[in-house]
Amino acid sequence: MSRRRDTPDAERGFTLVELLIAIAVFAVMAAIAYGGLSSVISSRESIDVALERSKTLQMALWRIQQDIEQTVDRPVRDSFGDMQPAIYGSAGIGLYVTRAGWNNPLGARRSTLQRVHYDLDGDGHLVRSYFRVLDQAQDSEPVNQTLLSEVIQMEWRFLDANGQWQDRWPPDANAQAFAAPTINNNTNGSNNGLGAQTPPQAIELTLDTHSWGQMRLLYMIPGARL
């Protein structure tokens, strides 16, 4: 007669039901973990985009500040041979300044002064342009660099010696008459004899952007006495 021997509990395997339950629990935990990981990745991407926008804005504002706060009273000649003040601008042509401190690491035969222009192009980009020479020739072309995108509007104001804000500089001249070839292809020129002008005391910039709303910034001119 054969004897029946029970299998010890330590040697028993999983039943089909137990396996299905384990697989279901693992699938639920995996789905929860994947959802959390996806949320973390999306948040990281959003943070990276926001940080990049913030970095771009800070670099653009830093560049403007450096140019304005290093201006020098050095008039220049445009491509028509007409004199332009060291600082001039309006809502129609942007801002022109002559600044010092143009780095020359390669020791090229050029001035350390730089003629800089700020304006908006037709696509809402804030563009910084500079000329390789101060007194331009007819074939002088600006070098353009886009600093900021999605700009709705840009306005400049100038504080005169009497503490009054002006919408253009020089305040007693038609600033459109000074416009030299720029990103807007404005080629009008006029010999106004206004190259020598007292610089303003300060310059105010108002930027209206999609991402950051409206910003108002004030820049002091070197040597200004308020």
C-alpha atoms as a PDB file:
ATOM      1  CA  MET A   1       0.000   0.000   0.000  1.00  0.00           C
ATOM      2  CA  SER A   2       1.457   3.373  -1.010  1.00  0.00           C
ATOM      3  CA  ARG A   3       1.989   6.125   1.544  1.00  0.00           C
ATOM      4  CA  ARG A   4       0.932   9.715   0.877  1.00  0.00           C
ATOM      5  CA  ARG A   5       3.488  12.404   1.735  1.00  0.00           C
ATOM      6  CA  ASP A   6       2.335  16.015   1.993  1.00  0.00           C
ATOM      7  CA  THR A   7       4.560  18.673   0.354  1.00  0.00           C
ATOM      8  CA  PRO A   8       6.060  21.062   2.956  1.00  0.00           C
ATOM      9  CA  ASP A   9       4.931  24.716   2.787  1.00  0.00           C
ATOM     10  CA  ALA A  10       8.496  25.846   1.970  1.00  0.00           C
ATOM     11  CA  GLU A  11       8.422  23.816  -1.253  1.00  0.00           C
ATOM     12  CA  ARG A  12       5.002  24.929  -2.523  1.00  0.00           C
ATOM     13  CA  GLY A  13       4.823  27.236  -5.598  1.00  0.00           C
ATOM     14  CA  PHE A  14       2.530  30.193  -6.380  1.00  0.00           C
ATOM     15  CA  THR A  15      -0.911  29.522  -7.655  1.00  0.00           C
ATOM     16  CA  LEU A  16      -2.206  31.140 -10.820  1.00  0.00           C
ATOM     17  CA  VAL A  17      -4.450  33.467  -8.847  1.00  0.00           C
ATOM     18  CA  GLU A  18      -1.535  34.651  -6.719  1.00  0.00           C
ATOM     19  CA  LEU A  19       0.537  35.342  -9.830  1.00  0.00           C
ATOM     20  CA  LEU A  20      -2.255  37.349 -11.428  1.00  0.00           C
ATOM     21  CA  ILE A  21      -2.722  39.399  -8.271  1.00  0.00           C
ATOM     22  CA  ALA A  22       1.019  40.116  -8.057  1.00  0.00           C
ATOM     23  CA  ILE A  23       1.158  41.169 -11.718  1.00  0.00           C
ATOM     24  CA  ALA A  24      -1.858  43.440 -11.249  1.00  0.00           C
ATOM     25  CA  VAL A  25      -0.324  45.101  -8.180  1.00  0.00           C
ATOM     26  CA  PHE A  26       2.970  45.598 -10.026  1.00  0.00           C
ATOM     27  CA  ALA A  27       1.164  47.127 -13.016  1.00  0.00           C
ATOM     28  CA  VAL A  28      -0.714  49.591 -10.785  1.00  0.00           C
ATOM     29  CA  MET A  29       2.500  50.606  -8.985  1.00  0.00           C
ATOM     30  CA  ALA A  30       4.319  50.997 -12.320  1.00  0.00           C
ATOM     31  CA  ALA A  31       1.542  53.202 -13.693  1.00  0.00           C
ATOM     32  CA  ILE A  32       1.652  55.393 -10.585  1.00  0.00           C
ATOM     33  CA  ALA A  33       5.437  55.651 -10.751  1.00  0.00           C
ATOM     34  CA  TYR A  34       5.362  56.491 -14.477  1.00  0.00           C
ATOM     35  CA  GLY A  35       2.771  59.232 -13.887  1.00  0.00           C
ATOM     36  CA  GLY A  36       4.922  60.782 -11.169  1.00  0.00           C
ATOM     37  CA  LEU A  37       8.057  60.569 -13.293  1.00  0.00           C
ATOM     38  CA  SER A  38       6.274  62.123 -16.277  1.00  0.00           C
ATOM     39  CA  SER A  39       5.034  64.960 -14.082  1.00  0.00           C
ATOM     40  CA  VAL A  40       8.574  65.577 -12.775  1.00  0.00           C
ATOM     41  CA  ILE A  41      10.002  65.614 -16.314  1.00  0.00           C
ATOM     42  CA  SER A  42       7.326  68.031 -17.543  1.00  0.00           C
ATOM     43  CA  SER A  43       7.927  70.322 -14.561  1.00  0.00           C
ATOM     44  CA  ARG A  44      11.663  70.214 -15.204  1.00  0.00           C
ATOM     45  CA  GLU A  45      11.161  71.153 -18.850  1.00  0.00           C
ATOM     46  CA  SER A  46       8.885  74.060 -17.891  1.00  0.00           C
ATOM     47  CA  ILE A  47      11.419  75.270 -15.334  1.00  0.00           C
ATOM     48  CA  ASP A  48      14.238  75.054 -17.895  1.00  0.00           C
ATOM     49  CA  VAL A  49      12.215  77.099 -20.404  1.00  0.00           C
ATOM     50  CA  ALA A  50      11.397  79.719 -17.755  1.00  0.00           C
ATOM     51  CA  LEU A  51      15.039  79.907 -16.645  1.00  0.00           C
ATOM     52  CA  GLU A  52      16.184  80.328 -20.238  1.00  0.00           C
ATOM     53  CA  ARG A  53      13.681  83.167 -20.789  1.00  0.00           C
ATOM     54  CA  SER A  54      14.831  84.807 -17.560  1.00  0.00           C
ATOM     55  CA  LYS A  55      18.469  84.449 -18.564  1.00  0.00           C
ATOM     56  CA  THR A  56      17.786  85.971 -21.992  1.00  0.00           C
ATOM     57  CA  LEU A  57      15.963  88.924 -20.414  1.00  0.00           C
ATOM     58  CA  GLN A  58      18.717  89.541 -17.863  1.00  0.00           C
ATOM     59  CA  MET A  59      21.425  89.409 -20.532  1.00  0.00           C
ATOM     60  CA  ALA A  60      19.501  91.834 -22.770  1.00  0.00           C
ATOM     61  CA  LEU A  61      18.964  94.338 -19.941  1.00  0.00           C
ATOM     62  CA  TRP A  62      22.591  93.967 -18.830  1.00  0.00           C
ATOM     63  CA  ARG A  63      23.783  94.711 -22.378  1.00  0.00           C
ATOM     64  CA  ILE A  64      21.624  97.843 -22.606  1.00  0.00           C
ATOM     65  CA  GLN A  65      22.844  99.023 -19.215  1.00  0.00           C
ATOM     66  CA  GLN A  66      26.481  98.513 -20.183  1.00  0.00           C
ATOM     67  CA  ASP A  67      26.072 100.468 -23.414  1.00  0.00           C
ATOM     68  CA  ILE A  68      24.206 103.419 -21.903  1.00  0.00           C
ATOM     69  CA  GLU A  69      26.255 103.730 -18.728  1.00  0.00           C
ATOM     70  CA  GLN A  70      29.505 103.770 -20.729  1.00  0.00           C
ATOM     71  CA  THR A  71      28.464 106.444 -23.220  1.00  0.00           C
ATOM     72  CA  VAL A  72      30.938 109.149 -24.186  1.00  0.00           C
ATOM     73  CA  ASP A  73      30.276 112.538 -25.754  1.00  0.00           C
ATOM     74  CA  ARG A  74      31.743 111.695 -29.148  1.00  0.00           C
ATOM     75  CA  PRO A  75      29.610 112.681 -32.184  1.00  0.00           C
ATOM     76  CA  VAL A  76      29.983 110.598 -35.349  1.00  0.00           C
ATOM     77  CA  ARG A  77      29.399 110.972 -39.070  1.00  0.00           C
ATOM     78  CA  ASP A  78      26.802 108.834 -40.760  1.00  0.00           C
ATOM     79  CA  SER A  79      27.113 107.230 -44.188  1.00  0.00           C
ATOM     80  CA  PHE A  80      26.104 110.558 -45.811  1.00  0.00           C
ATOM     81  CA  GLY A  81      28.857 112.469 -44.022  1.00  0.00           C
ATOM     82  CA  ASP A  82      26.387 114.262 -41.731  1.00  0.00           C
ATOM     83  CA  MET A  83      27.085 114.715 -38.049  1.00  0.00           C
ATOM     84  CA  GLN A  84      25.104 112.724 -35.497  1.00  0.00           C
ATOM     85  CA  PRO A  85      25.083 113.478 -31.753  1.00  0.00           C
ATOM     86  CA  ALA A  86      26.723 111.005 -29.417  1.00  0.00           C
ATOM     87  CA  ILE A  87      23.269 110.197 -28.031  1.00  0.00           C
ATOM     88  CA  TYR A  88      20.063 110.600 -29.940  1.00  0.00           C
ATOM     89  CA  GLY A  89      16.850 108.754 -30.547  1.00  0.00           C
ATOM     90  CA  SER A  90      13.082 108.686 -30.509  1.00  0.00           C
ATOM     91  CA  ALA A  91      10.213 106.230 -30.821  1.00  0.00           C
ATOM     92  CA  GLY A  92      10.663 106.184 -34.599  1.00  0.00           C
ATOM     93  CA  ILE A  93      14.356 105.314 -34.824  1.00  0.00           C
ATOM     94  CA  GLY A  94      15.248 103.717 -31.503  1.00  0.00           C
ATOM     95  CA  LEU A  95      18.386 104.768 -29.670  1.00  0.00           C
ATOM     96  CA  TYR A  96      21.903 105.555 -30.898  1.00  0.00           C
ATOM     97  CA  VAL A  97      24.813 105.903 -28.477  1.00  0.00           C
ATOM     98  CA  THR A  98      28.585 106.104 -28.676  1.00  0.00           C
ATOM     99  CA  ARG A  99      30.073 103.978 -25.926  1.00  0.00           C
ATOM    100  CA  ALA A 100      33.551 103.324 -24.589  1.00  0.00           C
ATOM    101  CA  GLY A 101      35.109 100.067 -23.471  1.00  0.00           C
ATOM    102  CA  TRP A 102      34.865  98.059 -26.701  1.00  0.00           C
ATOM    103  CA  ASN A 103      37.142  95.116 -25.977  1.00  0.00           C
ATOM    104  CA  ASN A 104      39.936  94.432 -28.444  1.00  0.00           C
ATOM    105  CA  PRO A 105      41.570  91.148 -27.378  1.00  0.00           C
ATOM    106  CA  LEU A 106      43.214  90.578 -30.767  1.00  0.00           C
ATOM    107  CA  GLY A 107      44.754  94.043 -30.894  1.00  0.00           C
ATOM    108  CA  ALA A 108      43.026  95.029 -34.157  1.00  0.00           C
ATOM    109  CA  ARG A 109      43.653  98.521 -35.531  1.00  0.00           C
ATOM    110  CA  ARG A 110      40.371 100.078 -34.503  1.00  0.00           C
ATOM    111  CA  SER A 111      38.937 102.404 -31.912  1.00  0.00           C
ATOM    112  CA  THR A 112      37.870 101.261 -28.457  1.00  0.00           C
ATOM    113  CA  LEU A 113      34.722 103.367 -28.949  1.00  0.00           C
ATOM    114  CA  GLN A 114      31.670 101.762 -30.501  1.00  0.00           C
ATOM    115  CA  ARG A 115      28.563 103.120 -32.204  1.00  0.00           C
ATOM    116  CA  VAL A 116      25.512 101.181 -31.000  1.00  0.00           C
ATOM    117  CA  HIS A 117      21.885 101.228 -32.082  1.00  0.00           C
ATOM    118  CA  TYR A 118      18.797  99.685 -30.438  1.00  0.00           C
ATOM    119  CA  ASP A 119      15.512  99.220 -32.267  1.00  0.00           C
ATOM    120  CA  LEU A 120      12.676  96.765 -32.946  1.00  0.00           C
ATOM    121  CA  ASP A 121      12.444  94.867 -36.197  1.00  0.00           C
ATOM    122  CA  GLY A 122       9.183  93.954 -37.866  1.00  0.00           C
ATOM    123  CA  ASP A 123       8.870  90.654 -35.960  1.00  0.00           C
ATOM    124  CA  GLY A 124       8.951  92.043 -32.436  1.00  0.00           C
ATOM    125  CA  HIS A 125      12.643  91.417 -31.826  1.00  0.00           C
ATOM    126  CA  LEU A 126      14.776  93.843 -29.870  1.00  0.00           C
ATOM    127  CA  VAL A 127      17.916  94.147 -31.973  1.00  0.00           C
ATOM    128  CA  ARG A 128      21.280  95.591 -30.971  1.00  0.00           C
ATOM    129  CA  SER A 129      23.340  96.816 -33.920  1.00  0.00           C
ATOM    130  CA  TYR A 130      26.861  98.147 -33.921  1.00  0.00           C
ATOM    131  CA  PHE A 131      29.158  99.558 -36.558  1.00  0.00           C
ATOM    132  CA  ARG A 132      32.764  98.476 -36.952  1.00  0.00           C
ATOM    133  CA  VAL A 133      33.799 102.113 -37.428  1.00  0.00           C
ATOM    134  CA  LEU A 134      32.674 105.310 -35.735  1.00  0.00           C
ATOM    135  CA  ASP A 135      32.595 107.575 -38.777  1.00  0.00           C
ATOM    136  CA  GLN A 136      30.821 105.518 -41.386  1.00  0.00           C
ATOM    137  CA  ALA A 137      31.416 105.223 -45.085  1.00  0.00           C
ATOM    138  CA  GLN A 138      28.668 104.690 -47.647  1.00  0.00           C
ATOM    139  CA  ASP A 139      29.269 100.934 -47.594  1.00  0.00           C
ATOM    140  CA  SER A 140      29.330 100.600 -43.790  1.00  0.00           C
ATOM    141  CA  GLU A 141      26.915  97.906 -42.663  1.00  0.00           C
ATOM    142  CA  PRO A 142      25.754  97.294 -39.093  1.00  0.00           C
ATOM    143  CA  VAL A 143      26.275  94.003 -37.287  1.00  0.00           C
ATOM    144  CA  ASN A 144      22.908  92.927 -35.859  1.00  0.00           C
ATOM    145  CA  GLN A 145      22.256  90.817 -32.761  1.00  0.00           C
ATOM    146  CA  THR A 146      18.801  89.835 -31.507  1.00  0.00           C
ATOM    147  CA  LEU A 147      18.622  90.339 -27.747  1.00  0.00           C
ATOM    148  CA  LEU A 148      14.960  89.729 -26.941  1.00  0.00           C
ATOM    149  CA  SER A 149      11.881  88.312 -28.650  1.00  0.00           C
ATOM    150  CA  GLU A 150       8.152  88.893 -28.278  1.00  0.00           C
ATOM    151  CA  VAL A 151       8.518  92.618 -27.647  1.00  0.00           C
ATOM    152  CA  ILE A 152       5.249  94.468 -28.222  1.00  0.00           C
ATOM    153  CA  GLN A 153       6.485  98.035 -27.848  1.00  0.00           C
ATOM    154  CA  MET A 154       9.626  99.940 -26.897  1.00  0.00           C
ATOM    155  CA  GLU A 155       9.756 103.598 -25.846  1.00  0.00           C
ATOM    156  CA  TRP A 156      12.653 105.872 -24.931  1.00  0.00           C
ATOM    157  CA  ARG A 157      12.567 109.068 -22.864  1.00  0.00           C
ATOM    158  CA  PHE A 158      15.378 111.481 -22.091  1.00  0.00           C
ATOM    159  CA  LEU A 159      15.832 113.654 -18.995  1.00  0.00           C
ATOM    160  CA  ASP A 160      17.195 117.098 -19.811  1.00  0.00           C
ATOM    161  CA  ALA A 161      19.225 119.422 -17.578  1.00  0.00           C
ATOM    162  CA  ASN A 162      16.036 121.121 -16.355  1.00  0.00           C
ATOM    163  CA  GLY A 163      14.610 117.873 -15.040  1.00  0.00           C
ATOM    164  CA  GLN A 164      12.050 117.581 -17.859  1.00  0.00           C
ATOM    165  CA  TRP A 165      11.415 114.362 -19.746  1.00  0.00           C
ATOM    166  CA  GLN A 166      11.687 114.531 -23.545  1.00  0.00           C
ATOM    167  CA  ASP A 167      10.353 112.020 -26.064  1.00  0.00           C
ATOM    168  CA  ARG A 168      13.346 112.515 -28.362  1.00  0.00           C
ATOM    169  CA  TRP A 169      16.951 113.580 -28.177  1.00  0.00           C
ATOM    170  CA  PRO A 170      18.094 116.168 -29.128  1.00  0.00           C
ATOM    171  CA  PRO A 171      14.791 117.701 -27.963  1.00  0.00           C
ATOM    172  CA  ASP A 172      14.925 120.615 -30.424  1.00  0.00           C
ATOM    173  CA  ALA A 173      15.484 118.565 -33.582  1.00  0.00           C
ATOM    174  CA  ASN A 174      13.531 116.233 -35.790  1.00  0.00           C
ATOM    175  CA  ALA A 175      15.159 112.972 -34.804  1.00  0.00           C
ATOM    176  CA  GLN A 176      13.903 111.246 -37.949  1.00  0.00           C
ATOM    177  CA  ALA A 177      16.268 113.433 -39.945  1.00  0.00           C
ATOM    178  CA  PHE A 178      19.259 111.750 -38.311  1.00  0.00           C
ATOM    179  CA  ALA A 179      18.362 108.185 -39.200  1.00  0.00           C
ATOM    180  CA  ALA A 180      21.223 106.235 -40.763  1.00  0.00           C
ATOM    181  CA  PRO A 181      20.950 102.847 -42.517  1.00  0.00           C
ATOM    182  CA  THR A 182      19.771 100.343 -39.893  1.00  0.00           C
ATOM    183  CA  ILE A 183      17.763  97.168 -39.623  1.00  0.00           C
ATOM    184  CA  ASN A 184      14.702  99.210 -40.626  1.00  0.00           C
ATOM    185  CA  ASN A 185      16.396 100.340 -43.863  1.00  0.00           C
ATOM    186  CA  ASN A 186      15.776 104.009 -43.100  1.00  0.00           C
ATOM    187  CA  THR A 187      18.246 105.914 -45.281  1.00  0.00           C
ATOM    188  CA  ASN A 188      17.144 109.493 -44.807  1.00  0.00           C
ATOM    189  CA  GLY A 189      19.912 111.906 -43.894  1.00  0.00           C
ATOM    190  CA  SER A 190      20.219 115.594 -43.317  1.00  0.00           C
ATOM    191  CA  ASN A 191      23.073 117.961 -42.540  1.00  0.00           C
ATOM    192  CA  ASN A 192      21.590 119.647 -39.488  1.00  0.00           C
ATOM    193  CA  GLY A 193      24.798 120.723 -37.772  1.00  0.00           C
ATOM    194  CA  LEU A 194      23.528 119.135 -34.554  1.00  0.00           C
ATOM    195  CA  GLY A 195      26.403 116.740 -34.010  1.00  0.00           C
ATOM    196  CA  ALA A 196      27.576 118.560 -30.882  1.00  0.00           C
ATOM    197  CA  GLN A 197      24.793 118.237 -28.327  1.00  0.00           C
ATOM    198  CA  THR A 198      24.814 118.145 -24.543  1.00  0.00           C
ATOM    199  CA  PRO A 199      23.975 114.573 -23.476  1.00  0.00           C
ATOM    200  CA  PRO A 200      20.831 113.953 -21.423  1.00  0.00           C
ATOM    201  CA  GLN A 201      21.024 113.390 -17.696  1.00  0.00           C
ATOM    202  CA  ALA A 202      19.317 110.001 -17.831  1.00  0.00           C
ATOM    203  CA  ILE A 203      17.558 107.689 -20.276  1.00  0.00           C
ATOM    204  CA  GLU A 204      14.365 105.801 -19.509  1.00  0.00           C
ATOM    205  CA  LEU A 205      13.412 102.643 -21.384  1.00  0.00           C
ATOM    206  CA  THR A 206       9.897 101.166 -21.315  1.00  0.00           C
ATOM    207  CA  LEU A 207       9.535  97.641 -22.679  1.00  0.00           C
ATOM    208  CA  ASP A 208       6.192  95.941 -23.180  1.00  0.00           C
ATOM    209  CA  THR A 209       6.626  92.193 -23.666  1.00  0.00           C
ATOM    210  CA  HIS A 210       4.374  89.143 -23.910  1.00  0.00           C
ATOM    211  CA  SER A 211       6.207  87.126 -21.256  1.00  0.00           C
ATOM    212  CA  TRP A 212       7.125  89.780 -18.708  1.00  0.00           C
ATOM    213  CA  GLY A 213       4.525  92.493 -19.160  1.00  0.00           C
ATOM    214  CA  GLN A 214       5.636  96.100 -19.011  1.00  0.00           C
ATOM    215  CA  MET A 215       9.045  97.012 -17.607  1.00  0.00           C
ATOM    216  CA  ARG A 216      10.383 100.509 -16.980  1.00  0.00           C
ATOM    217  CA  LEU A 217      14.121 100.967 -16.542  1.00  0.00           C
ATOM    218  CA  LEU A 218      16.178 104.056 -15.758  1.00  0.00           C
ATOM    219  CA  TYR A 219      19.813 104.481 -16.804  1.00  0.00           C
ATOM    220  CA  MET A 220      22.134 107.240 -15.630  1.00  0.00           C
ATOM    221  CA  ILE A 221      24.476 108.965 -18.066  1.00  0.00           C
ATOM    222  CA  PRO A 222      28.133 109.204 -16.923  1.00  0.00           C
ATOM    223  CA  GLY A 223      28.861 112.601 -15.386  1.00  0.00           C
ATOM    224  CA  ALA A 224      25.183 113.530 -15.040  1.00  0.00           C
ATOM    225  CA  ARG A 225      24.246 115.874 -12.204  1.00  0.00           C
ATOM    226  CA  LEU A 226      20.670 115.526 -11.068  1.00  0.00           C
END
